[in-house]
Amino acid sequence: MPRPAAWRELRDEGLETAAPAALPSLQWPAFLVTQLLQPLPYESSNVFARILRGEIPAQFLHEDEHCVAFRDLAPQAPLHVLVVPRKAIATLGDARSNDAALLGHLMLTAVQVAKQLGHPEARFVVNNGAAVGQSVFHLHVHVLAGRAFAWPPG
């Protein structure tokens, strides 16, 4: 059953697990709470899914059974690589406990790719939702290097 955009907004704002407590005056039917706790629907037409299927060409800097890495088409640093899991996960918030090994693999791959490209120091970023800059809803790790970065980011 497709969910309204408002549910996505609740998830993006971190209210999905706190929704009943955050709005105590509302009666939250069990089916609604269950729906809110489910992963966001994955849209297989996203650009990363199309790259993974070979519909859009990309030169892979890394490829294994769990993920691929390729250069970002709109780089925000001299080195800007994306590490993308083969598994269809829309956001980091949609990952589950059984994805822990995959998440670790993505981070280790990001470090390995940065080092192989001559950057032993790099910034690794995962945006989790539209409100914080995620524009493609297929989980991915940004690998950024080759310039100074400010803190805090943004």
Protein backbone atom coordinates (compact mmCIF):
# COMPACT_ATOMS: atom_id res chain seq x y z
CA MET A 1 0.00 0.00 0.00
CA PRO A 2 1.62 3.31 -1.05
CA ARG A 3 2.05 5.84 1.71
CA PRO A 4 1.31 9.57 1.46
CA ALA A 5 4.20 12.02 1.25
CA ALA A 6 3.40 13.14 4.81
CA TRP A 7 4.60 9.78 6.10
CA ARG A 8 7.93 10.27 4.32
CA GLU A 9 8.20 13.68 6.02
CA LEU A 10 7.59 12.07 9.42
CA ARG A 11 10.38 9.57 8.73
CA ASP A 12 12.76 12.26 7.46
CA GLU A 13 12.21 14.29 10.62
CA GLY A 14 12.85 11.27 12.83
CA LEU A 15 9.30 11.15 14.15
CA GLU A 16 8.45 7.68 12.91
CA THR A 17 9.48 5.98 16.12
CA ALA A 18 8.26 8.79 18.35
CA ALA A 19 5.06 9.62 16.46
CA PRO A 20 2.57 8.39 19.07
CA ALA A 21 4.43 10.18 21.89
CA ALA A 22 5.07 13.29 19.79
CA LEU A 23 1.35 13.73 19.11
CA PRO A 24 -0.36 12.28 22.21
CA SER A 25 -3.77 13.81 21.42
CA LEU A 26 -4.14 11.59 18.36
CA GLN A 27 -5.17 7.97 18.47
CA TRP A 28 -2.61 6.05 16.42
CA PRO A 29 -4.08 2.84 14.98
CA ALA A 30 -1.67 -0.08 15.19
CA PHE A 31 -1.63 -0.49 11.39
CA LEU A 32 -0.52 3.14 10.97
CA VAL A 33 2.29 2.84 13.52
CA THR A 34 3.39 -0.38 11.79
CA GLN A 35 3.41 1.41 8.43
CA LEU A 36 5.46 4.29 9.83
CA LEU A 37 8.10 1.90 11.11
CA GLN A 38 8.50 0.18 7.75
CA PRO A 39 11.26 1.21 5.31
CA LEU A 40 10.36 3.83 2.72
CA PRO A 41 9.26 2.37 -0.59
CA TYR A 42 12.26 1.93 -2.84
CA GLU A 43 11.86 3.43 -6.30
CA SER A 44 13.76 1.27 -8.77
CA SER A 45 13.78 4.06 -11.37
CA ASN A 46 16.36 6.10 -9.42
CA VAL A 47 19.60 6.93 -11.22
CA PHE A 48 21.78 4.63 -9.07
CA ALA A 49 19.49 1.65 -9.64
CA ARG A 50 19.68 2.37 -13.36
CA ILE A 51 23.49 2.53 -13.19
CA LEU A 52 23.56 -0.77 -11.29
CA ARG A 53 21.38 -2.37 -13.99
CA GLY A 54 23.67 -1.03 -16.73
CA GLU A 55 21.00 1.26 -18.19
CA ILE A 56 23.20 4.31 -17.57
CA PRO A 57 26.93 3.95 -18.23
CA ALA A 58 29.39 4.58 -15.41
CA GLN A 59 33.06 3.83 -15.02
CA PHE A 60 33.38 1.82 -11.82
CA LEU A 61 36.43 2.59 -9.71
CA HIS A 62 35.50 -0.35 -7.50
CA GLU A 63 33.10 -3.22 -8.03
CA ASP A 64 32.32 -6.25 -5.89
CA GLU A 65 29.30 -8.38 -5.02
CA HIS A 66 28.10 -5.82 -2.44
CA CYS A 67 28.74 -2.39 -3.95
CA VAL A 68 30.19 -0.23 -6.69
CA ALA A 69 32.05 3.09 -6.61
CA PHE A 70 32.13 5.75 -9.31
CA ARG A 71 32.83 9.47 -9.67
CA ASP A 72 30.04 11.92 -8.92
CA LEU A 73 28.86 13.76 -12.04
CA ALA A 74 28.54 17.01 -10.06
CA PRO A 75 31.70 16.92 -7.90
CA GLN A 76 31.86 19.07 -4.78
CA ALA A 77 35.60 18.48 -4.30
CA PRO A 78 38.57 17.48 -6.48
CA LEU A 79 37.80 13.90 -5.45
CA HIS A 80 34.09 13.10 -5.18
CA VAL A 81 33.26 9.43 -5.44
CA LEU A 82 30.02 7.66 -4.58
CA VAL A 83 29.97 4.21 -3.01
CA VAL A 84 26.62 2.59 -3.77
CA PRO A 85 25.33 -0.72 -2.41
CA ARG A 86 23.83 -3.19 -4.83
CA LYS A 87 21.04 -3.81 -2.31
CA ALA A 88 17.96 -1.61 -2.76
CA ILE A 89 17.90 0.58 0.36
CA ALA A 90 16.44 4.08 -0.04
CA THR A 91 18.03 5.81 2.98
CA LEU A 92 20.34 4.97 5.86
CA GLY A 93 17.26 5.14 8.07
CA ASP A 94 15.76 2.29 6.06
CA ALA A 95 18.69 -0.03 6.79
CA ARG A 96 17.96 -2.77 9.30
CA SER A 97 20.11 -4.70 11.76
CA ASN A 98 20.71 -7.42 9.16
CA ASP A 99 22.34 -4.73 6.96
CA ALA A 100 25.10 -4.02 9.51
CA ALA A 101 27.79 -5.97 7.62
CA LEU A 102 26.84 -4.22 4.37
CA LEU A 103 27.02 -0.79 6.02
CA GLY A 104 30.47 -1.59 7.38
CA HIS A 105 31.55 -2.84 3.97
CA LEU A 106 30.43 0.44 2.37
CA MET A 107 32.55 2.46 4.80
CA LEU A 108 35.61 0.24 4.41
CA THR A 109 35.23 0.40 0.63
CA ALA A 110 34.99 4.20 0.80
CA VAL A 111 38.28 4.37 2.72
CA GLN A 112 39.94 1.91 0.32
CA VAL A 113 38.84 3.85 -2.77
CA ALA A 114 40.04 7.16 -1.31
CA LYS A 115 43.45 5.65 -0.51
CA GLN A 116 43.75 4.04 -3.96
CA LEU A 117 43.09 7.44 -5.52
CA GLY A 118 45.86 9.06 -3.46
CA HIS A 119 43.80 10.47 -0.58
CA PRO A 120 44.57 8.74 2.74
CA GLU A 121 42.51 11.47 4.43
CA ALA A 122 38.97 12.13 3.22
CA ARG A 123 35.49 13.10 4.35
CA PHE A 124 32.80 10.43 4.21
CA VAL A 125 29.18 11.60 4.12
CA VAL A 126 25.84 9.83 4.18
CA ASN A 127 22.80 12.08 3.81
CA ASN A 128 19.66 10.58 5.35
CA GLY A 129 16.61 12.23 3.83
CA ALA A 130 15.67 15.13 1.60
CA ALA A 131 15.81 17.68 4.41
CA VAL A 132 19.58 17.11 4.78
CA GLY A 133 20.48 16.96 1.11
CA GLN A 134 19.77 13.43 -0.09
CA SER A 135 18.63 13.81 -3.68
CA VAL A 136 18.86 10.20 -4.90
CA PHE A 137 16.91 7.80 -2.72
CA HIS A 138 19.30 4.89 -2.96
CA LEU A 139 21.69 4.74 -0.02
CA HIS A 140 25.19 5.96 -0.93
CA VAL A 141 28.38 7.19 0.71
CA HIS A 142 30.05 10.35 -0.60
CA VAL A 143 33.86 10.23 -0.56
CA LEU A 144 35.26 13.77 -0.68
CA ALA A 145 38.92 14.82 -0.67
CA GLY A 146 41.47 17.11 -2.24
CA ARG A 147 40.48 20.38 -0.56
CA ALA A 148 40.01 21.81 2.92
CA PHE A 149 36.61 21.23 4.54
CA ALA A 150 34.97 23.44 7.14
CA TRP A 151 33.42 22.23 10.38
CA PRO A 152 30.62 22.11 10.98
CA PRO A 153 29.66 21.12 7.44
CA GLY A 154 26.92 22.89 5.57
